[in-house]
N, C-alpha and C. Protein backbone atom coordinates (compact mmCIF):
# COMPACT_ATOMS: atom_id res chain seq x y z
N UNK A 1 98.87 -4.33 -22.01
CA UNK A 1 99.88 -3.83 -22.93
C UNK A 1 100.81 -2.87 -22.17
N UNK A 2 102.10 -3.11 -22.22
CA UNK A 2 103.07 -2.28 -21.54
C UNK A 2 103.45 -1.10 -22.41
N UNK A 3 103.47 0.08 -21.78
CA UNK A 3 103.82 1.29 -22.51
C UNK A 3 105.29 1.59 -22.29
N UNK A 4 105.94 2.05 -23.36
CA UNK A 4 107.34 2.44 -23.27
C UNK A 4 107.38 3.90 -22.86
N UNK A 5 108.13 4.22 -21.79
CA UNK A 5 108.20 5.58 -21.27
C UNK A 5 109.67 6.02 -21.18
N UNK A 6 110.26 6.45 -22.28
CA UNK A 6 111.69 6.78 -22.27
C UNK A 6 112.05 7.99 -21.39
N UNK A 7 111.12 8.90 -21.13
CA UNK A 7 111.42 10.08 -20.36
C UNK A 7 111.09 9.92 -18.87
N UNK A 8 110.65 8.75 -18.45
CA UNK A 8 110.30 8.52 -17.05
C UNK A 8 111.41 7.68 -16.40
N UNK A 9 112.26 8.30 -15.58
CA UNK A 9 113.37 7.54 -14.99
C UNK A 9 112.92 6.49 -13.98
N UNK A 10 111.68 6.57 -13.54
CA UNK A 10 111.18 5.59 -12.55
C UNK A 10 110.39 4.44 -13.21
N UNK A 11 110.29 4.47 -14.53
CA UNK A 11 109.55 3.42 -15.20
C UNK A 11 110.17 2.06 -14.93
N UNK A 12 109.36 1.15 -14.44
CA UNK A 12 109.81 -0.21 -14.17
C UNK A 12 110.46 -0.40 -12.81
N UNK A 13 110.57 0.66 -12.02
CA UNK A 13 111.17 0.57 -10.70
C UNK A 13 110.06 0.59 -9.66
N UNK A 14 110.02 -0.45 -8.81
CA UNK A 14 108.98 -0.54 -7.81
C UNK A 14 109.33 0.30 -6.59
N UNK A 15 108.29 0.70 -5.86
CA UNK A 15 108.48 1.51 -4.68
C UNK A 15 109.36 0.79 -3.64
N UNK A 16 109.21 -0.49 -3.52
CA UNK A 16 110.03 -1.25 -2.57
C UNK A 16 111.50 -1.14 -2.92
N UNK A 17 111.83 -1.17 -4.20
CA UNK A 17 113.22 -1.03 -4.64
C UNK A 17 113.74 0.39 -4.32
N UNK A 18 112.90 1.38 -4.54
CA UNK A 18 113.29 2.77 -4.26
C UNK A 18 113.62 2.96 -2.80
N UNK A 19 112.72 2.50 -1.91
CA UNK A 19 112.95 2.67 -0.47
C UNK A 19 114.15 1.85 -0.02
N UNK A 20 114.29 0.64 -0.52
CA UNK A 20 115.41 -0.21 -0.11
C UNK A 20 116.76 0.40 -0.51
N UNK A 21 116.84 0.89 -1.74
CA UNK A 21 118.08 1.47 -2.22
C UNK A 21 118.41 2.77 -1.50
N UNK A 22 117.41 3.61 -1.23
CA UNK A 22 117.64 4.84 -0.51
C UNK A 22 118.10 4.56 0.92
N UNK A 23 117.48 3.58 1.55
CA UNK A 23 117.85 3.24 2.93
C UNK A 23 119.28 2.68 2.98
N UNK A 24 119.62 1.85 2.00
CA UNK A 24 120.98 1.29 1.97
C UNK A 24 122.01 2.38 1.71
N UNK A 25 121.65 3.35 0.88
CA UNK A 25 122.58 4.41 0.53
C UNK A 25 122.78 5.44 1.64
N UNK A 26 121.65 5.87 2.24
CA UNK A 26 121.70 6.93 3.24
C UNK A 26 121.62 6.44 4.68
N UNK A 27 120.87 5.36 4.91
CA UNK A 27 120.53 4.95 6.28
C UNK A 27 119.28 5.71 6.72
N UNK A 28 118.61 5.20 7.74
CA UNK A 28 117.33 5.79 8.17
C UNK A 28 117.51 7.22 8.65
N UNK A 29 118.54 7.47 9.45
CA UNK A 29 118.72 8.81 10.03
C UNK A 29 118.92 9.86 8.94
N UNK A 30 119.80 9.61 8.01
CA UNK A 30 120.08 10.56 6.92
C UNK A 30 118.89 10.67 5.97
N UNK A 31 118.18 9.57 5.77
CA UNK A 31 117.00 9.60 4.91
C UNK A 31 115.94 10.49 5.54
N UNK A 32 115.74 10.39 6.87
CA UNK A 32 114.81 11.27 7.55
C UNK A 32 115.25 12.73 7.46
N UNK A 33 116.53 12.99 7.50
CA UNK A 33 117.03 14.35 7.40
C UNK A 33 116.71 14.96 6.03
N UNK A 34 116.64 14.12 5.01
CA UNK A 34 116.37 14.60 3.66
C UNK A 34 114.89 14.68 3.36
N UNK A 35 114.13 13.70 3.88
CA UNK A 35 112.68 13.67 3.66
C UNK A 35 112.05 13.52 5.05
N UNK A 36 111.51 14.61 5.56
CA UNK A 36 110.97 14.64 6.94
C UNK A 36 109.60 13.97 7.04
N UNK A 37 109.60 12.64 7.07
CA UNK A 37 108.38 11.91 7.32
C UNK A 37 108.66 10.90 8.44
N UNK A 38 107.71 10.76 9.32
CA UNK A 38 107.90 9.99 10.55
C UNK A 38 108.21 8.53 10.31
N UNK A 39 107.76 7.98 9.21
CA UNK A 39 108.04 6.54 9.01
C UNK A 39 109.54 6.28 8.84
N UNK A 40 110.34 7.32 8.63
CA UNK A 40 111.79 7.15 8.56
C UNK A 40 112.48 7.42 9.90
N UNK A 41 111.72 7.89 10.88
CA UNK A 41 112.37 8.20 12.17
C UNK A 41 111.82 7.39 13.34
N UNK A 42 110.53 7.08 13.35
CA UNK A 42 109.92 6.36 14.45
C UNK A 42 109.84 4.90 14.16
N UNK A 43 110.77 4.10 14.71
CA UNK A 43 110.83 2.65 14.50
C UNK A 43 110.74 2.30 13.00
N UNK A 44 111.70 2.81 12.19
CA UNK A 44 111.62 2.66 10.74
C UNK A 44 111.82 1.21 10.29
N UNK A 45 111.12 0.88 9.23
CA UNK A 45 111.29 -0.40 8.55
C UNK A 45 110.83 -0.21 7.11
N UNK A 46 111.29 -1.09 6.24
CA UNK A 46 110.87 -1.04 4.84
C UNK A 46 109.36 -1.23 4.77
N UNK A 47 108.84 -2.20 5.49
CA UNK A 47 107.41 -2.51 5.44
C UNK A 47 106.54 -1.33 5.88
N UNK A 48 106.87 -0.71 7.00
CA UNK A 48 106.06 0.41 7.48
C UNK A 48 106.17 1.61 6.55
N UNK A 49 107.36 1.81 5.99
CA UNK A 49 107.57 2.93 5.06
C UNK A 49 106.73 2.73 3.79
N UNK A 50 106.74 1.51 3.26
CA UNK A 50 105.97 1.23 2.07
C UNK A 50 104.47 1.43 2.31
N UNK A 51 104.00 1.00 3.44
CA UNK A 51 102.59 1.13 3.79
C UNK A 51 102.21 2.62 3.81
N UNK A 52 103.04 3.42 4.47
CA UNK A 52 102.74 4.86 4.54
C UNK A 52 102.83 5.53 3.18
N UNK A 53 103.89 5.25 2.43
CA UNK A 53 104.11 5.92 1.15
C UNK A 53 103.02 5.54 0.12
N UNK A 54 102.51 4.33 0.17
CA UNK A 54 101.44 3.94 -0.75
C UNK A 54 100.14 4.68 -0.47
N UNK A 55 99.96 5.13 0.75
CA UNK A 55 98.72 5.83 1.13
C UNK A 55 98.88 7.37 1.11
N UNK A 56 100.10 7.86 0.92
CA UNK A 56 100.35 9.28 1.06
C UNK A 56 101.10 9.81 -0.19
N UNK A 57 100.34 10.30 -1.17
CA UNK A 57 100.96 10.70 -2.43
C UNK A 57 102.05 11.78 -2.30
N UNK A 58 101.87 12.77 -1.42
CA UNK A 58 102.85 13.83 -1.33
C UNK A 58 104.19 13.30 -0.81
N UNK A 59 104.13 12.36 0.14
CA UNK A 59 105.36 11.77 0.69
C UNK A 59 106.04 10.89 -0.35
N UNK A 60 105.23 10.11 -1.08
CA UNK A 60 105.79 9.24 -2.12
C UNK A 60 106.51 10.08 -3.17
N UNK A 61 105.92 11.19 -3.54
CA UNK A 61 106.55 12.07 -4.55
C UNK A 61 107.90 12.58 -4.05
N UNK A 62 107.99 12.96 -2.79
CA UNK A 62 109.26 13.43 -2.25
C UNK A 62 110.32 12.32 -2.27
N UNK A 63 109.93 11.11 -1.93
CA UNK A 63 110.86 9.98 -1.90
C UNK A 63 111.29 9.63 -3.33
N UNK A 64 110.35 9.63 -4.27
CA UNK A 64 110.71 9.36 -5.66
C UNK A 64 111.63 10.41 -6.21
N UNK A 65 111.39 11.68 -5.88
CA UNK A 65 112.26 12.75 -6.34
C UNK A 65 113.67 12.61 -5.79
N UNK A 66 113.79 12.23 -4.51
CA UNK A 66 115.09 12.00 -3.93
C UNK A 66 115.81 10.85 -4.63
N UNK A 67 115.09 9.80 -4.96
CA UNK A 67 115.68 8.66 -5.68
C UNK A 67 116.22 9.11 -7.04
N UNK A 68 115.43 9.87 -7.77
CA UNK A 68 115.84 10.37 -9.08
C UNK A 68 117.09 11.24 -8.95
N UNK A 69 117.06 12.18 -8.00
CA UNK A 69 118.21 13.06 -7.78
C UNK A 69 119.46 12.29 -7.39
N UNK A 70 119.28 11.25 -6.59
CA UNK A 70 120.43 10.50 -6.06
C UNK A 70 121.01 9.52 -7.07
N UNK A 71 120.15 8.76 -7.75
CA UNK A 71 120.63 7.66 -8.58
C UNK A 71 120.48 7.89 -10.08
N UNK A 72 119.40 8.47 -10.52
CA UNK A 72 119.16 8.58 -11.97
C UNK A 72 119.92 9.70 -12.62
N UNK A 73 120.07 10.83 -11.95
CA UNK A 73 120.80 11.94 -12.57
C UNK A 73 122.27 11.64 -12.70
N UNK A 74 122.83 10.87 -11.78
CA UNK A 74 124.24 10.48 -11.87
C UNK A 74 124.51 9.61 -13.07
N UNK A 75 123.58 8.72 -13.37
CA UNK A 75 123.73 7.82 -14.50
C UNK A 75 123.67 8.59 -15.82
N UNK A 76 122.83 9.62 -15.90
CA UNK A 76 122.64 10.37 -17.12
C UNK A 76 123.70 11.41 -17.37
N UNK A 77 124.56 11.71 -16.41
CA UNK A 77 125.53 12.77 -16.57
C UNK A 77 126.91 12.28 -16.97
N UNK A 78 127.00 11.12 -17.56
CA UNK A 78 128.31 10.57 -17.99
C UNK A 78 128.84 11.27 -19.17
């Protein structure tokens, strides 16, 4: 059963989509400048980033927060 979560801006958005959109928007170098995790600076790729973020809750939270600040708050401020 799927739960409706109106107050969760990340509901229905997969981690792969989050990383892909952030990378496309900022690029690896600028993404690393905003979230200091090595998977964004040492031979970065979507696959390696996803592997790291799925195993590291604190890093995933930082990336998700950056996504919300970058994309979700702009949509809600119309």
